[in-house]
Amino acid sequence: MSRGLDVDIKKDIIEQFRINEKDSGSTEVQIALLSARIKHITEHLKKHPKDYHSRKGLTSMVGKRRKMLNYLKSERPEVYQDLLKKLGIRG
């Protein structure tokens, strides 16, 4: 089993959510990458419900994403709303 996300998937996510050509670490990109990892680990936990170590990592990632979303909401609310729609997550 691979750890984390595939390199090609990461590149696609960065390509889709970046602000400009050189952007790879903006808040939007970080939130999108975290969301993909959260989705990946959620699928893993459906197959392995007793994997408590991964569950702990998942809860910390969800908290980190929440903090970033709160920051984005306070700084740029229109980008926040757009990102929620693109990612299909609740605000």
Protein backbone atom coordinates (compact mmCIF):
# COMPACT_ATOMS: atom_id res chain seq x y z
CA MET A 1 0.00 0.00 0.00
CA SER A 2 1.27 3.47 -0.86
CA ARG A 3 1.63 6.18 1.75
CA GLY A 4 -0.16 9.43 1.09
CA LEU A 5 -1.10 10.67 -2.35
CA ASP A 6 0.40 9.78 -5.70
CA VAL A 7 2.72 12.40 -7.19
CA ASP A 8 0.54 12.75 -10.30
CA ILE A 9 -2.55 13.38 -8.18
CA LYS A 10 -0.69 16.07 -6.21
CA LYS A 11 0.44 17.75 -9.42
CA ASP A 12 -3.13 17.76 -10.76
CA ILE A 13 -4.46 19.29 -7.54
CA ILE A 14 -1.76 21.97 -7.48
CA GLU A 15 -2.44 22.72 -11.16
CA GLN A 16 -6.17 23.07 -10.52
CA PHE A 17 -6.05 25.27 -7.40
CA ARG A 18 -2.94 27.42 -7.87
CA ILE A 19 -3.20 31.19 -8.14
CA ASN A 20 -0.35 31.70 -10.63
CA GLU A 21 2.31 29.71 -12.48
CA LYS A 22 4.77 29.50 -9.58
CA ASP A 23 2.21 28.89 -6.83
CA SER A 24 2.47 25.60 -4.98
CA GLY A 25 1.81 26.56 -1.37
CA SER A 26 -1.05 29.05 -1.22
CA THR A 27 -3.83 28.47 1.28
CA GLU A 28 -6.15 27.20 -1.45
CA VAL A 29 -3.61 24.62 -2.65
CA GLN A 30 -2.86 23.47 0.91
CA ILE A 31 -6.57 23.05 1.68
CA ALA A 32 -7.13 21.11 -1.56
CA LEU A 33 -4.19 18.78 -0.83
CA LEU A 34 -5.38 18.21 2.73
CA SER A 35 -8.87 17.45 1.45
CA ALA A 36 -7.49 14.83 -0.94
CA ARG A 37 -5.46 13.22 1.86
CA ILE A 38 -8.51 13.26 4.15
CA LYS A 39 -10.55 11.51 1.45
CA HIS A 40 -7.77 8.95 0.94
CA ILE A 41 -7.48 8.13 4.65
CA THR A 42 -11.26 7.98 5.04
CA GLU A 43 -11.37 5.26 2.36
CA HIS A 44 -8.55 3.42 4.14
CA LEU A 45 -10.44 3.55 7.45
CA LYS A 46 -13.54 2.03 5.84
CA LYS A 47 -11.46 -1.08 5.10
CA HIS A 48 -9.47 -0.98 8.36
CA PRO A 49 -11.76 0.36 11.10
CA LYS A 50 -9.37 -0.52 13.94
CA ASP A 51 -6.45 1.49 12.53
CA TYR A 52 -6.43 4.01 15.37
CA HIS A 53 -3.10 5.54 14.37
CA SER A 54 -4.49 6.60 10.98
CA ARG A 55 -7.69 7.81 12.65
CA LYS A 56 -5.63 10.09 14.91
CA GLY A 57 -3.81 11.48 11.88
CA LEU A 58 -7.13 12.02 10.13
CA THR A 59 -8.56 14.03 13.01
CA SER A 60 -5.47 16.23 13.16
CA MET A 61 -5.66 16.83 9.38
CA VAL A 62 -9.34 17.77 9.63
CA GLY A 63 -8.47 20.25 12.40
CA LYS A 64 -5.65 21.74 10.36
CA ARG A 65 -7.92 22.11 7.33
CA ARG A 66 -10.58 23.75 9.51
CA LYS A 67 -8.07 26.34 10.77
CA MET A 68 -6.96 27.11 7.22
CA LEU A 69 -10.57 27.42 6.08
CA ASN A 70 -11.30 29.81 8.95
CA TYR A 71 -8.31 31.92 7.94
CA LEU A 72 -9.41 31.99 4.31
CA LYS A 73 -12.96 32.88 5.33
CA SER A 74 -11.75 35.88 7.34
CA GLU A 75 -9.28 37.10 4.70
CA ARG A 76 -11.08 36.38 1.40
CA PRO A 77 -14.70 35.23 1.87
CA GLU A 78 -15.46 35.02 -1.87
CA VAL A 79 -12.49 32.68 -2.47
CA TYR A 80 -13.59 30.66 0.58
CA GLN A 81 -17.09 30.10 -0.83
CA ASP A 82 -15.72 29.20 -4.25
CA LEU A 83 -13.27 26.71 -2.74
CA LEU A 84 -16.00 25.01 -0.71
CA LYS A 85 -18.04 24.49 -3.86
CA LYS A 86 -15.06 23.15 -5.83
CA LEU A 87 -14.08 20.71 -3.10
CA GLY A 88 -17.63 19.71 -2.21
CA ILE A 89 -17.20 20.24 1.53
CA ARG A 90 -19.37 21.93 4.09
CA GLY A 91 -18.34 25.23 5.59
